[in-house]
Protein backbone atom coordinates (compact mmCIF):
# COMPACT_ATOMS: atom_id res chain seq x y z
CA UNK A 1 -44.52 -84.22 30.71
CA UNK A 2 -40.30 -84.31 30.15
CA UNK A 3 -38.87 -87.27 32.23
CA UNK A 4 -35.42 -88.23 33.71
CA UNK A 5 -33.62 -90.99 35.05
CA UNK A 6 -32.33 -91.25 38.26
CA UNK A 7 -28.73 -92.25 37.24
CA UNK A 8 -28.91 -89.70 34.68
CA UNK A 9 -29.85 -86.28 37.17
CA UNK A 10 -26.67 -85.21 38.23
CA UNK A 11 -25.15 -84.65 34.84
CA UNK A 12 -27.03 -81.67 34.73
CA UNK A 13 -25.22 -79.28 36.39
CA UNK A 14 -27.16 -76.02 35.43
CA UNK A 15 -30.24 -77.53 36.47
CA UNK A 16 -32.00 -76.81 40.04
CA UNK A 17 -33.19 -80.40 42.20
CA UNK A 18 -36.61 -79.07 43.33
CA UNK A 19 -37.56 -82.18 46.02
CA UNK A 20 -41.53 -81.39 47.01
CA UNK A 21 -41.67 -84.25 49.51
CA UNK A 22 -42.88 -83.95 52.95
CA UNK A 23 -40.70 -82.32 55.50
CA UNK A 24 -40.74 -85.99 57.33
CA UNK A 25 -39.61 -87.56 54.39
CA UNK A 26 -36.59 -84.97 53.54
CA UNK A 27 -35.07 -85.84 57.01
CA UNK A 28 -34.45 -89.37 55.62
CA UNK A 29 -32.66 -87.84 53.11
CA UNK A 30 -32.16 -85.85 49.83
CA UNK A 31 -30.19 -85.31 47.01
CA UNK A 32 -27.55 -82.64 48.14
CA UNK A 33 -28.01 -79.57 46.85
CA UNK A 34 -31.19 -80.01 46.12
CA UNK A 35 -34.46 -77.13 47.07
CA UNK A 36 -37.44 -78.57 48.65
CA UNK A 37 -40.56 -77.18 48.73
CA UNK A 38 -43.89 -79.28 49.96
CA UNK A 39 -45.86 -80.30 46.97
CA UNK A 40 -49.09 -78.54 48.72
CA UNK A 41 -46.76 -75.34 48.85
CA UNK A 42 -45.62 -74.95 45.50
CA UNK A 43 -48.25 -72.35 44.36
CA UNK A 44 -47.37 -70.17 46.90
CA UNK A 45 -43.22 -70.51 47.26
CA UNK A 46 -43.25 -70.39 43.11
CA UNK A 47 -41.43 -66.57 43.23
CA UNK A 48 -38.35 -68.31 44.83
CA UNK A 49 -37.88 -70.62 41.84
CA UNK A 50 -35.48 -69.12 38.63
CA UNK A 51 -37.63 -69.46 35.47
CA UNK A 52 -34.39 -69.40 33.86
CA UNK A 53 -33.02 -71.92 34.93
CA UNK A 54 -34.26 -75.85 34.39
CA UNK A 55 -35.73 -77.43 37.11
CA UNK A 56 -35.61 -81.95 38.04
CA UNK A 57 -38.37 -82.58 40.45
CA UNK A 58 -38.35 -84.94 43.01
CA UNK A 59 -40.59 -87.23 45.35
CA UNK A 60 -40.84 -90.30 46.77
CA UNK A 61 -41.95 -92.63 43.99
CA UNK A 62 -42.49 -89.92 40.97
CA UNK A 63 -46.42 -89.35 41.16
CA UNK A 64 -46.06 -86.31 43.31
CA UNK A 65 -43.23 -85.21 41.42
CA UNK A 66 -45.18 -85.87 38.03
CA UNK A 67 -48.41 -83.33 38.81
CA UNK A 68 -45.87 -81.10 40.62
CA UNK A 69 -43.45 -81.43 36.94
CA UNK A 70 -47.36 -80.82 35.02
CA UNK A 71 -47.86 -77.57 37.17
CA UNK A 72 -44.66 -75.73 36.85
CA UNK A 73 -44.66 -76.83 32.85
CA UNK A 74 -48.25 -74.88 32.81
CA UNK A 75 -46.68 -71.69 34.76
CA UNK A 76 -43.98 -72.15 32.41
CA UNK A 77 -40.75 -73.40 33.80
CA UNK A 78 -38.56 -76.31 32.10
CA UNK A 79 -39.70 -78.51 34.18
CA UNK A 80 -38.63 -82.81 34.28
CA UNK A 81 -39.91 -85.93 36.46
CA UNK A 82 -37.58 -87.55 38.11
CA UNK A 83 -38.72 -91.45 37.25
CA UNK A 84 -39.26 -93.77 40.37
CA UNK A 85 -38.78 -90.89 42.98
CA UNK A 86 -36.56 -91.21 45.55
CA UNK A 87 -36.83 -94.93 45.72
CA UNK A 88 -35.43 -95.54 42.76
CA UNK A 89 -32.32 -93.14 43.69
CA UNK A 90 -28.80 -95.20 44.02
CA UNK A 91 -26.23 -91.53 44.75
CA UNK A 92 -25.57 -90.78 48.12
CA UNK A 93 -27.83 -88.66 50.55
CA UNK A 94 -27.51 -85.75 53.17
């Protein structure tokens, strides 16, 4: 599985940042410009994602995003897990 450190995420301007946390978690703050699809709904909303773009997957600690990254990779996406999740994010949130 491909991984990326939080400090390097914004260097990938062409990537979709996919936040797979629950609604309550996202309301506390998310990376600006990120797409929110809770992990439990990912398989049902997969059609909303562009397979031609790379995806960086984010959750609170990195565990759920790891599962989502593995699933997306199995489905033919270029997906990368953000190590440490939002717990390690030092950038601004909206």
